[in-house]
Amino acid sequence: MGKQERVCGSCTACCKTHPVFELFKLWNAWCTECQVGRGCRIYSNRPKGCQDFQCQWLMGWGKDDERPDRTKLVPDFIELGELGLTLMLHEVTEGSLLNGFARRCW
């Protein structure tokens, strides 16, 4: 039996941390379409920017119980030139970079 596919469920962490240009939503601000802890009001018709983004937890990185709404951090790998592939942890709640999950990522 294979590993169960991860789903966002009630996690809405990236609805705060990431910009959505089609909705004029900025970094680190809640999306007006987000029902925090419940989901997106326009999920079935969400913009391409939302459809294309998948946090690393959703793609299988980290433990099952380290979903971004629980750790208050959205993990994302980005390419940084000479540094190569780099883990970025986007804070949902200020100070979350000091929690145990973040420390394990160092």
PDB file of N, CA and C in Angstrom:
ATOM      1  N   MET A   1       0.843  -1.185   0.000  1.00  0.00           N
ATOM      2  CA  MET A   1       0.000   0.000   0.000  1.00  0.00           C
ATOM      3  C   MET A   1       0.882   1.240   0.000  1.00  0.00           C
ATOM      4  N   GLY A   2       0.626   2.196  -0.908  1.00  0.00           N
ATOM      5  CA  GLY A   2       1.437   3.404  -1.042  1.00  0.00           C
ATOM      6  C   GLY A   2       1.090   4.448  -0.002  1.00  0.00           C
ATOM      7  N   LYS A   3       1.954   5.438   0.095  1.00  0.00           N
ATOM      8  CA  LYS A   3       1.745   6.534   1.041  1.00  0.00           C
ATOM      9  C   LYS A   3       0.556   7.377   0.578  1.00  0.00           C
ATOM     10  N   GLN A   4      -0.270   7.784   1.522  1.00  0.00           N
ATOM     11  CA  GLN A   4      -1.452   8.575   1.217  1.00  0.00           C
ATOM     12  C   GLN A   4      -1.041   9.960   0.726  1.00  0.00           C
ATOM     13  N   GLU A   5      -1.710  10.432  -0.326  1.00  0.00           N
ATOM     14  CA  GLU A   5      -1.440  11.767  -0.862  1.00  0.00           C
ATOM     15  C   GLU A   5      -1.874  12.821   0.139  1.00  0.00           C
ATOM     16  N   ARG A   6      -1.059  13.831   0.309  1.00  0.00           N
ATOM     17  CA  ARG A   6      -1.389  14.919   1.237  1.00  0.00           C
ATOM     18  C   ARG A   6      -2.322  15.919   0.564  1.00  0.00           C
ATOM     19  N   VAL A   7      -3.188  16.491   1.376  1.00  0.00           N
ATOM     20  CA  VAL A   7      -4.116  17.516   0.891  1.00  0.00           C
ATOM     21  C   VAL A   7      -4.084  18.702   1.858  1.00  0.00           C
ATOM     22  N   CYS A   8      -4.476  19.852   1.374  1.00  0.00           N
ATOM     23  CA  CYS A   8      -4.481  21.061   2.201  1.00  0.00           C
ATOM     24  C   CYS A   8      -5.437  20.926   3.376  1.00  0.00           C
ATOM     25  N   GLY A   9      -6.597  20.343   3.137  1.00  0.00           N
ATOM     26  CA  GLY A   9      -7.600  20.247   4.195  1.00  0.00           C
ATOM     27  C   GLY A   9      -7.973  21.633   4.693  1.00  0.00           C
ATOM     28  N   SER A  10      -7.921  21.824   5.989  1.00  0.00           N
ATOM     29  CA  SER A  10      -8.283  23.123   6.563  1.00  0.00           C
ATOM     30  C   SER A  10      -7.096  24.082   6.641  1.00  0.00           C
ATOM     31  N   CYS A  11      -5.929  23.657   6.152  1.00  0.00           N
ATOM     32  CA  CYS A  11      -4.747  24.529   6.172  1.00  0.00           C
ATOM     33  C   CYS A  11      -4.925  25.676   5.183  1.00  0.00           C
ATOM     34  N   THR A  12      -4.724  26.882   5.663  1.00  0.00           N
ATOM     35  CA  THR A  12      -4.823  28.081   4.819  1.00  0.00           C
ATOM     36  C   THR A  12      -3.567  28.945   4.970  1.00  0.00           C
ATOM     37  N   ALA A  13      -2.475  28.349   5.456  1.00  0.00           N
ATOM     38  CA  ALA A  13      -1.257  29.111   5.760  1.00  0.00           C
ATOM     39  C   ALA A  13      -0.740  29.901   4.559  1.00  0.00           C
ATOM     40  N   CYS A  14      -0.690  29.275   3.375  1.00  0.00           N
ATOM     41  CA  CYS A  14      -0.151  29.980   2.209  1.00  0.00           C
ATOM     42  C   CYS A  14      -1.069  31.110   1.746  1.00  0.00           C
ATOM     43  N   CYS A  15      -2.314  31.099   2.215  1.00  0.00           N
ATOM     44  CA  CYS A  15      -3.247  32.190   1.896  1.00  0.00           C
ATOM     45  C   CYS A  15      -2.812  33.490   2.565  1.00  0.00           C
ATOM     46  N   LYS A  16      -1.895  33.374   3.521  1.00  0.00           N
ATOM     47  CA  LYS A  16      -1.330  34.566   4.152  1.00  0.00           C
ATOM     48  C   LYS A  16       0.069  34.840   3.618  1.00  0.00           C
ATOM     49  N   THR A  17       0.896  33.812   3.524  1.00  0.00           N
ATOM     50  CA  THR A  17       2.321  34.028   3.289  1.00  0.00           C
ATOM     51  C   THR A  17       2.685  34.398   1.860  1.00  0.00           C
ATOM     52  N   HIS A  18       1.915  33.958   0.888  1.00  0.00           N
ATOM     53  CA  HIS A  18       2.324  34.136  -0.513  1.00  0.00           C
ATOM     54  C   HIS A  18       1.443  35.146  -1.256  1.00  0.00           C
ATOM     55  N   PRO A  19       2.052  35.897  -2.177  1.00  0.00           N
ATOM     56  CA  PRO A  19       1.277  36.865  -2.954  1.00  0.00           C
ATOM     57  C   PRO A  19       0.444  36.160  -4.026  1.00  0.00           C
ATOM     58  N   VAL A  20      -0.640  36.786  -4.412  1.00  0.00           N
ATOM     59  CA  VAL A  20      -1.455  36.311  -5.530  1.00  0.00           C
ATOM     60  C   VAL A  20      -1.695  37.532  -6.402  1.00  0.00           C
ATOM     61  N   PHE A  21      -0.914  37.627  -7.466  1.00  0.00           N
ATOM     62  CA  PHE A  21      -0.941  38.825  -8.299  1.00  0.00           C
ATOM     63  C   PHE A  21      -2.302  39.046  -8.942  1.00  0.00           C
ATOM     64  N   GLU A  22      -2.981  37.965  -9.322  1.00  0.00           N
ATOM     65  CA  GLU A  22      -4.290  38.098  -9.975  1.00  0.00           C
ATOM     66  C   GLU A  22      -5.328  38.721  -9.045  1.00  0.00           C
ATOM     67  N   LEU A  23      -5.130  38.569  -7.732  1.00  0.00           N
ATOM     68  CA  LEU A  23      -6.053  39.135  -6.749  1.00  0.00           C
ATOM     69  C   LEU A  23      -5.501  40.385  -6.072  1.00  0.00           C
ATOM     70  N   PHE A  24      -4.338  40.855  -6.536  1.00  0.00           N
ATOM     71  CA  PHE A  24      -3.650  42.009  -5.955  1.00  0.00           C
ATOM     72  C   PHE A  24      -3.358  41.787  -4.471  1.00  0.00           C
ATOM     73  N   LYS A  25      -3.098  40.517  -4.102  1.00  0.00           N
ATOM     74  CA  LYS A  25      -2.806  40.141  -2.723  1.00  0.00           C
ATOM     75  C   LYS A  25      -1.309  40.184  -2.507  1.00  0.00           C
ATOM     76  N   LEU A  26      -0.885  40.848  -1.452  1.00  0.00           N
ATOM     77  CA  LEU A  26       0.532  41.023  -1.152  1.00  0.00           C
ATOM     78  C   LEU A  26       1.057  39.907  -0.254  1.00  0.00           C
ATOM     79  N   TRP A  27       2.409  39.830  -0.135  1.00  0.00           N
ATOM     80  CA  TRP A  27       3.047  38.913   0.803  1.00  0.00           C
ATOM     81  C   TRP A  27       2.561  39.209   2.213  1.00  0.00           C
ATOM     82  N   ASN A  28       2.478  38.171   3.036  1.00  0.00           N
ATOM     83  CA  ASN A  28       2.239  38.293   4.468  1.00  0.00           C
ATOM     84  C   ASN A  28       0.971  39.074   4.829  1.00  0.00           C
ATOM     85  N   ALA A  29      -0.080  38.852   4.057  1.00  0.00           N
ATOM     86  CA  ALA A  29      -1.389  39.455   4.340  1.00  0.00           C
ATOM     87  C   ALA A  29      -2.440  38.414   3.970  1.00  0.00           C
ATOM     88  N   TRP A  30      -3.459  38.287   4.786  1.00  0.00           N
ATOM     89  CA  TRP A  30      -4.488  37.292   4.484  1.00  0.00           C
ATOM     90  C   TRP A  30      -5.233  37.649   3.208  1.00  0.00           C
ATOM     91  N   CYS A  31      -5.477  36.653   2.393  1.00  0.00           N
ATOM     92  CA  CYS A  31      -6.268  36.817   1.176  1.00  0.00           C
ATOM     93  C   CYS A  31      -7.711  37.088   1.577  1.00  0.00           C
ATOM     94  N   THR A  32      -8.366  37.979   0.876  1.00  0.00           N
ATOM     95  CA  THR A  32      -9.755  38.313   1.196  1.00  0.00           C
ATOM     96  C   THR A  32     -10.699  37.148   0.881  1.00  0.00           C
ATOM     97  N   GLU A  33     -10.256  36.200   0.072  1.00  0.00           N
ATOM     98  CA  GLU A  33     -11.079  35.034  -0.268  1.00  0.00           C
ATOM     99  C   GLU A  33     -10.877  33.877   0.716  1.00  0.00           C
ATOM    100  N   CYS A  34      -9.955  34.037   1.661  1.00  0.00           N
ATOM    101  CA  CYS A  34      -9.622  32.971   2.598  1.00  0.00           C
ATOM    102  C   CYS A  34     -10.556  32.975   3.808  1.00  0.00           C
ATOM    103  N   GLN A  35     -11.039  31.799   4.146  1.00  0.00           N
ATOM    104  CA  GLN A  35     -11.746  31.581   5.394  1.00  0.00           C
ATOM    105  C   GLN A  35     -10.737  30.859   6.281  1.00  0.00           C
ATOM    106  N   VAL A  36     -10.032  31.617   7.105  1.00  0.00           N
ATOM    107  CA  VAL A  36      -8.907  31.100   7.888  1.00  0.00           C
ATOM    108  C   VAL A  36      -9.312  29.831   8.630  1.00  0.00           C
ATOM    109  N   GLY A  37      -8.510  28.785   8.437  1.00  0.00           N
ATOM    110  CA  GLY A  37      -8.759  27.508   9.091  1.00  0.00           C
ATOM    111  C   GLY A  37      -9.872  26.679   8.467  1.00  0.00           C
ATOM    112  N   ARG A  38     -10.484  27.192   7.398  1.00  0.00           N
ATOM    113  CA  ARG A  38     -11.579  26.465   6.735  1.00  0.00           C
ATOM    114  C   ARG A  38     -11.281  26.220   5.264  1.00  0.00           C
ATOM    115  N   GLY A  39     -10.752  27.217   4.576  1.00  0.00           N
ATOM    116  CA  GLY A  39     -10.455  27.054   3.160  1.00  0.00           C
ATOM    117  C   GLY A  39     -10.755  28.297   2.356  1.00  0.00           C
ATOM    118  N   CYS A  40     -10.688  28.136   1.051  1.00  0.00           N
ATOM    119  CA  CYS A  40     -10.852  29.245   0.106  1.00  0.00           C
ATOM    120  C   CYS A  40     -12.295  29.329  -0.377  1.00  0.00           C
ATOM    121  N   ARG A  41     -12.836  30.542  -0.387  1.00  0.00           N
ATOM    122  CA  ARG A  41     -14.209  30.757  -0.873  1.00  0.00           C
ATOM    123  C   ARG A  41     -14.334  30.475  -2.368  1.00  0.00           C
ATOM    124  N   ILE A  42     -13.238  30.673  -3.109  1.00  0.00           N
ATOM    125  CA  ILE A  42     -13.290  30.537  -4.575  1.00  0.00           C
ATOM    126  C   ILE A  42     -12.391  29.393  -5.054  1.00  0.00           C
ATOM    127  N   TYR A  43     -12.208  28.374  -4.216  1.00  0.00           N
ATOM    128  CA  TYR A  43     -11.249  27.301  -4.514  1.00  0.00           C
ATOM    129  C   TYR A  43     -11.447  26.704  -5.908  1.00  0.00           C
ATOM    130  N   SER A  44     -12.663  26.408  -6.301  1.00  0.00           N
ATOM    131  CA  SER A  44     -12.892  25.775  -7.605  1.00  0.00           C
ATOM    132  C   SER A  44     -12.598  26.722  -8.768  1.00  0.00           C
ATOM    133  N   ASN A  45     -12.570  28.027  -8.504  1.00  0.00           N
ATOM    134  CA  ASN A  45     -12.272  29.024  -9.539  1.00  0.00           C
ATOM    135  C   ASN A  45     -11.086  29.896  -9.149  1.00  0.00           C
ATOM    136  N   ARG A  46     -10.203  29.371  -8.307  1.00  0.00           N
ATOM    137  CA  ARG A  46      -9.067  30.163  -7.825  1.00  0.00           C
ATOM    138  C   ARG A  46      -8.124  30.511  -8.970  1.00  0.00           C
ATOM    139  N   PRO A  47      -7.394  31.619  -8.840  1.00  0.00           N
ATOM    140  CA  PRO A  47      -6.487  32.068  -9.900  1.00  0.00           C
ATOM    141  C   PRO A  47      -5.338  31.080 -10.140  1.00  0.00           C
ATOM    142  N   LYS A  48      -4.722  31.205 -11.291  1.00  0.00           N
ATOM    143  CA  LYS A  48      -3.614  30.337 -11.674  1.00  0.00           C
ATOM    144  C   LYS A  48      -2.476  30.381 -10.662  1.00  0.00           C
ATOM    145  N   GLY A  49      -2.186  31.548 -10.098  1.00  0.00           N
ATOM    146  CA  GLY A  49      -1.126  31.667  -9.101  1.00  0.00           C
ATOM    147  C   GLY A  49      -1.370  30.758  -7.906  1.00  0.00           C
ATOM    148  N   CYS A  50      -2.621  30.617  -7.511  1.00  0.00           N
ATOM    149  CA  CYS A  50      -2.974  29.717  -6.406  1.00  0.00           C
ATOM    150  C   CYS A  50      -2.924  28.262  -6.866  1.00  0.00           C
ATOM    151  N   GLN A  51      -3.407  27.997  -8.050  1.00  0.00           N
ATOM    152  CA  GLN A  51      -3.412  26.629  -8.571  1.00  0.00           C
ATOM    153  C   GLN A  51      -2.001  26.085  -8.725  1.00  0.00           C
ATOM    154  N   ASP A  52      -1.083  26.932  -9.148  1.00  0.00           N
ATOM    155  CA  ASP A  52       0.290  26.491  -9.421  1.00  0.00           C
ATOM    156  C   ASP A  52       1.124  26.262  -8.163  1.00  0.00           C
ATOM    157  N   PHE A  53       0.807  26.948  -7.066  1.00  0.00           N
ATOM    158  CA  PHE A  53       1.631  26.838  -5.863  1.00  0.00           C
ATOM    159  C   PHE A  53       1.295  25.588  -5.073  1.00  0.00           C
ATOM    160  N   GLN A  54       2.327  24.868  -4.667  1.00  0.00           N
ATOM    161  CA  GLN A  54       2.202  23.759  -3.730  1.00  0.00           C
ATOM    162  C   GLN A  54       3.363  23.871  -2.761  1.00  0.00           C
ATOM    163  N   CYS A  55       3.046  23.951  -1.486  1.00  0.00           N
ATOM    164  CA  CYS A  55       4.127  24.020  -0.506  1.00  0.00           C
ATOM    165  C   CYS A  55       4.847  22.677  -0.470  1.00  0.00           C
ATOM    166  N   GLN A  56       6.029  22.680   0.068  1.00  0.00           N
ATOM    167  CA  GLN A  56       6.828  21.457   0.115  1.00  0.00           C
ATOM    168  C   GLN A  56       6.195  20.391   1.001  1.00  0.00           C
ATOM    169  N   TRP A  57       5.468  20.785   2.028  1.00  0.00           N
ATOM    170  CA  TRP A  57       4.786  19.793   2.865  1.00  0.00           C
ATOM    171  C   TRP A  57       3.792  19.005   2.015  1.00  0.00           C
ATOM    172  N   LEU A  58       3.033  19.711   1.187  1.00  0.00           N
ATOM    173  CA  LEU A  58       2.051  19.061   0.335  1.00  0.00           C
ATOM    174  C   LEU A  58       2.722  18.082  -0.624  1.00  0.00           C
ATOM    175  N   MET A  59       3.945  18.403  -1.023  1.00  0.00           N
ATOM    176  CA  MET A  59       4.675  17.566  -1.973  1.00  0.00           C
ATOM    177  C   MET A  59       5.450  16.443  -1.273  1.00  0.00           C
ATOM    178  N   GLY A  60       5.262  16.301   0.045  1.00  0.00           N
ATOM    179  CA  GLY A  60       5.846  15.169   0.743  1.00  0.00           C
ATOM    180  C   GLY A  60       7.005  15.463   1.666  1.00  0.00           C
ATOM    181  N   TRP A  61       7.434  16.713   1.735  1.00  0.00           N
ATOM    182  CA  TRP A  61       8.565  17.076   2.593  1.00  0.00           C
ATOM    183  C   TRP A  61       8.084  17.246   4.025  1.00  0.00           C
ATOM    184  N   GLY A  62       8.841  16.757   4.972  1.00  0.00           N
ATOM    185  CA  GLY A  62       8.484  16.884   6.390  1.00  0.00           C
ATOM    186  C   GLY A  62       7.552  15.777   6.843  1.00  0.00           C
ATOM    187  N   LYS A  63       7.286  15.787   8.131  1.00  0.00           N
ATOM    188  CA  LYS A  63       6.423  14.768   8.735  1.00  0.00           C
ATOM    189  C   LYS A  63       4.953  15.102   8.504  1.00  0.00           C
ATOM    190  N   ASP A  64       4.113  14.083   8.567  1.00  0.00           N
ATOM    191  CA  ASP A  64       2.682  14.288   8.351  1.00  0.00           C
ATOM    192  C   ASP A  64       2.082  15.323   9.301  1.00  0.00           C
ATOM    193  N   ASP A  65       2.548  15.338  10.555  1.00  0.00           N
ATOM    194  CA  ASP A  65       1.981  16.268  11.539  1.00  0.00           C
ATOM    195  C   ASP A  65       2.635  17.656  11.508  1.00  0.00           C
ATOM    196  N   GLU A  66       3.467  17.914  10.502  1.00  0.00           N
ATOM    197  CA  GLU A  66       4.122  19.225  10.367  1.00  0.00           C
ATOM    198  C   GLU A  66       3.483  20.079   9.269  1.00  0.00           C
ATOM    199  N   ARG A  67       2.172  19.926   9.118  1.00  0.00           N
ATOM    200  CA  ARG A  67       1.440  20.728   8.132  1.00  0.00           C
ATOM    201  C   ARG A  67       1.603  22.204   8.488  1.00  0.00           C
ATOM    202  N   PRO A  68       1.714  23.084   7.508  1.00  0.00           N
ATOM    203  CA  PRO A  68       1.996  24.501   7.771  1.00  0.00           C
ATOM    204  C   PRO A  68       1.077  25.203   8.766  1.00  0.00           C
ATOM    205  N   ASP A  69      -0.182  24.849   8.825  1.00  0.00           N
ATOM    206  CA  ASP A  69      -1.057  25.499   9.806  1.00  0.00           C
ATOM    207  C   ASP A  69      -0.720  25.078  11.229  1.00  0.00           C
ATOM    208  N   ARG A  70      -0.023  23.966  11.381  1.00  0.00           N
ATOM    209  CA  ARG A  70       0.389  23.502  12.712  1.00  0.00           C
ATOM    210  C   ARG A  70       1.748  24.076  13.112  1.00  0.00           C
ATOM    211  N   THR A  71       2.672  24.143  12.150  1.00  0.00           N
ATOM    212  CA  THR A  71       4.011  24.671  12.445  1.00  0.00           C
ATOM    213  C   THR A  71       4.046  26.195  12.351  1.00  0.00           C
ATOM    214  N   LYS A  72       3.051  26.765  11.708  1.00  0.00           N
ATOM    215  CA  LYS A  72       2.971  28.218  11.449  1.00  0.00           C
ATOM    216  C   LYS A  72       4.084  28.676  10.515  1.00  0.00           C
ATOM    217  N   LEU A  73       4.569  27.728   9.677  1.00  0.00           N
ATOM    218  CA  LEU A  73       5.614  28.002   8.686  1.00  0.00           C
ATOM    219  C   LEU A  73       5.272  27.282   7.390  1.00  0.00           C
ATOM    220  N   VAL A  74       5.385  27.982   6.266  1.00  0.00           N
ATOM    221  CA  VAL A  74       5.149  27.376   4.962  1.00  0.00           C
ATOM    222  C   VAL A  74       6.509  27.109   4.319  1.00  0.00           C
ATOM    223  N   PRO A  75       6.879  25.829   4.138  1.00  0.00           N
ATOM    224  CA  PRO A  75       8.167  25.499   3.530  1.00  0.00           C
ATOM    225  C   PRO A  75       8.101  25.598   2.008  1.00  0.00           C
ATOM    226  N   ASP A  76       9.144  26.172   1.432  1.00  0.00           N
ATOM    227  CA  ASP A  76       9.202  26.355  -0.020  1.00  0.00           C
ATOM    228  C   ASP A  76      10.667  26.319  -0.440  1.00  0.00           C
ATOM    229  N   PHE A  77      11.002  25.539  -1.452  1.00  0.00           N
ATOM    230  CA  PHE A  77      12.359  25.531  -1.984  1.00  0.00           C
ATOM    231  C   PHE A  77      12.433  26.489  -3.153  1.00  0.00           C
ATOM    232  N   ILE A  78      13.460  27.342  -3.160  1.00  0.00           N
ATOM    233  CA  ILE A  78      13.673  28.258  -4.284  1.00  0.00           C
ATOM    234  C   ILE A  78      15.129  28.158  -4.735  1.00  0.00           C
ATOM    235  N   GLU A  79      15.359  28.478  -5.975  1.00  0.00           N
ATOM    236  CA  GLU A  79      16.709  28.464  -6.552  1.00  0.00           C
ATOM    237  C   GLU A  79      17.345  29.826  -6.318  1.00  0.00           C
ATOM    238  N   LEU A  80      18.502  29.837  -5.637  1.00  0.00           N
ATOM    239  CA  LEU A  80      19.184  31.092  -5.325  1.00  0.00           C
ATOM    240  C   LEU A  80      20.587  31.113  -5.934  1.00  0.00           C
ATOM    241  N   GLY A  81      20.661  31.137  -7.231  1.00  0.00           N
ATOM    242  CA  GLY A  81      21.938  31.266  -7.934  1.00  0.00           C
ATOM    243  C   GLY A  81      23.008  30.334  -7.423  1.00  0.00           C
ATOM    244  N   GLU A  82      24.106  30.898  -6.947  1.00  0.00           N
ATOM    245  CA  GLU A  82      25.244  30.106  -6.493  1.00  0.00           C
ATOM    246  C   GLU A  82      24.942  29.272  -5.251  1.00  0.00           C
ATOM    247  N   LEU A  83      23.950  29.677  -4.475  1.00  0.00           N
ATOM    248  CA  LEU A  83      23.567  28.902  -3.293  1.00  0.00           C
ATOM    249  C   LEU A  83      22.800  27.641  -3.661  1.00  0.00           C
ATOM    250  N   GLY A  84      22.237  27.627  -4.853  1.00  0.00           N
ATOM    251  CA  GLY A  84      21.477  26.465  -5.305  1.00  0.00           C
ATOM    252  C   GLY A  84      20.092  26.426  -4.698  1.00  0.00           C
ATOM    253  N   LEU A  85      19.545  25.230  -4.627  1.00  0.00           N
ATOM    254  CA  LEU A  85      18.215  25.031  -4.087  1.00  0.00           C
ATOM    255  C   LEU A  85      18.234  25.296  -2.585  1.00  0.00           C
ATOM    256  N   THR A  86      17.402  26.230  -2.143  1.00  0.00           N
ATOM    257  CA  THR A  86      17.432  26.703  -0.763  1.00  0.00           C
ATOM    258  C   THR A  86      16.046  26.614  -0.141  1.00  0.00           C
ATOM    259  N   LEU A  87      15.976  26.103   1.085  1.00  0.00           N
ATOM    260  CA  LEU A  87      14.710  26.029   1.797  1.00  0.00           C
ATOM    261  C   LEU A  87      14.368  27.400   2.366  1.00  0.00           C
ATOM    262  N   MET A  88      13.180  27.875   2.038  1.00  0.00           N
ATOM    263  CA  MET A  88      12.656  29.117   2.606  1.00  0.00           C
ATOM    264  C   MET A  88      11.497  28.732   3.513  1.00  0.00           C
ATOM    265  N   LEU A  89      11.483  29.278   4.717  1.00  0.00           N
ATOM    266  CA  LEU A  89      10.375  29.071   5.642  1.00  0.00           C
ATOM    267  C   LEU A  89       9.654  30.401   5.797  1.00  0.00           C
ATOM    268  N   HIS A  90       8.428  30.459   5.328  1.00  0.00           N
ATOM    269  CA  HIS A  90       7.630  31.685   5.385  1.00  0.00           C
ATOM    270  C   HIS A  90       6.764  31.649   6.640  1.00  0.00           C
ATOM    271  N   GLU A  91       6.912  32.666   7.495  1.00  0.00           N
ATOM    272  CA  GLU A  91       6.171  32.723   8.754  1.00  0.00           C
ATOM    273  C   GLU A  91       4.698  33.074   8.540  1.00  0.00           C
ATOM    274  N   VAL A  92       3.840  32.260   9.118  1.00  0.00           N
ATOM    275  CA  VAL A  92       2.420  32.573   9.159  1.00  0.00           C
ATOM    276  C   VAL A  92       2.167  33.473  10.363  1.00  0.00           C
ATOM    277  N   THR A  93       2.836  33.153  11.463  1.00  0.00           N
ATOM    278  CA  THR A  93       2.735  33.919  12.700  1.00  0.00           C
ATOM    279  C   THR A  93       4.128  34.395  13.091  1.00  0.00           C
ATOM    280  N   GLU A  94       4.254  35.678  13.382  1.00  0.00           N
ATOM    281  CA  GLU A  94       5.555  36.234  13.757  1.00  0.00           C
ATOM    282  C   GLU A  94       6.155  35.451  14.929  1.00  0.00           C
ATOM    283  N   GLY A  95       7.426  35.130  14.820  1.00  0.00           N
ATOM    284  CA  GLY A  95       8.134  34.391  15.855  1.00  0.00           C
ATOM    285  C   GLY A  95       8.191  32.890  15.606  1.00  0.00           C
ATOM    286  N   SER A  96       7.483  32.413  14.587  1.00  0.00           N
ATOM    287  CA  SER A  96       7.450  30.974  14.303  1.00  0.00           C
ATOM    288  C   SER A  96       8.798  30.415  13.888  1.00  0.00           C
ATOM    289  N   LEU A  97       9.693  31.272  13.405  1.00  0.00           N
ATOM    290  CA  LEU A  97      11.019  30.791  13.020  1.00  0.00           C
ATOM    291  C   LEU A  97      11.843  30.359  14.232  1.00  0.00           C
ATOM    292  N   LEU A  98      11.323  30.588  15.426  1.00  0.00           N
ATOM    293  CA  LEU A  98      12.015  30.172  16.647  1.00  0.00           C
ATOM    294  C   LEU A  98      11.480  28.860  17.197  1.00  0.00           C
ATOM    295  N   ASN A  99      10.465  28.276  16.543  1.00  0.00           N
ATOM    296  CA  ASN A  99       9.871  27.054  17.091  1.00  0.00           C
ATOM    297  C   ASN A  99      10.720  25.819  16.763  1.00  0.00           C
ATOM    298  N   GLY A 100      10.367  24.700  17.363  1.00  0.00           N
ATOM    299  CA  GLY A 100      11.128  23.461  17.215  1.00  0.00           C
ATOM    300  C   GLY A 100      11.224  22.980  15.787  1.00  0.00           C
ATOM    301  N   PHE A 101      10.148  23.105  15.018  1.00  0.00           N
ATOM    302  CA  PHE A 101      10.164  22.689  13.615  1.00  0.00           C
ATOM    303  C   PHE A 101      11.217  23.468  12.838  1.00  0.00           C
ATOM    304  N   ALA A 102      11.231  24.777  13.000  1.00  0.00           N
ATOM    305  CA  ALA A 102      12.193  25.606  12.286  1.00  0.00           C
ATOM    306  C   ALA A 102      13.629  25.251  12.691  1.00  0.00           C
ATOM    307  N   ARG A 103      13.844  25.007  13.949  1.00  0.00           N
ATOM    308  CA  ARG A 103      15.189  24.661  14.428  1.00  0.00           C
ATOM    309  C   ARG A 103      15.665  23.343  13.838  1.00  0.00           C
ATOM    310  N   ARG A 104      14.754  22.386  13.646  1.00  0.00           N
ATOM    311  CA  ARG A 104      15.132  21.117  13.031  1.00  0.00           C
ATOM    312  C   ARG A 104      15.525  21.293  11.563  1.00  0.00           C
ATOM    313  N   CYS A 105      15.049  22.361  10.941  1.00  0.00           N
ATOM    314  CA  CYS A 105      15.336  22.626   9.521  1.00  0.00           C
ATOM    315  C   CYS A 105      16.703  23.256   9.319  1.00  0.00           C
ATOM    316  N   TRP A 106      17.313  23.793  10.379  1.00  0.00           N
ATOM    317  CA  TRP A 106      18.606  24.467  10.253  1.00  0.00           C
ATOM    318  C   TRP A 106      19.636  23.460   9.980  1.00  0.00           C
TER     319      TRP A 106
END
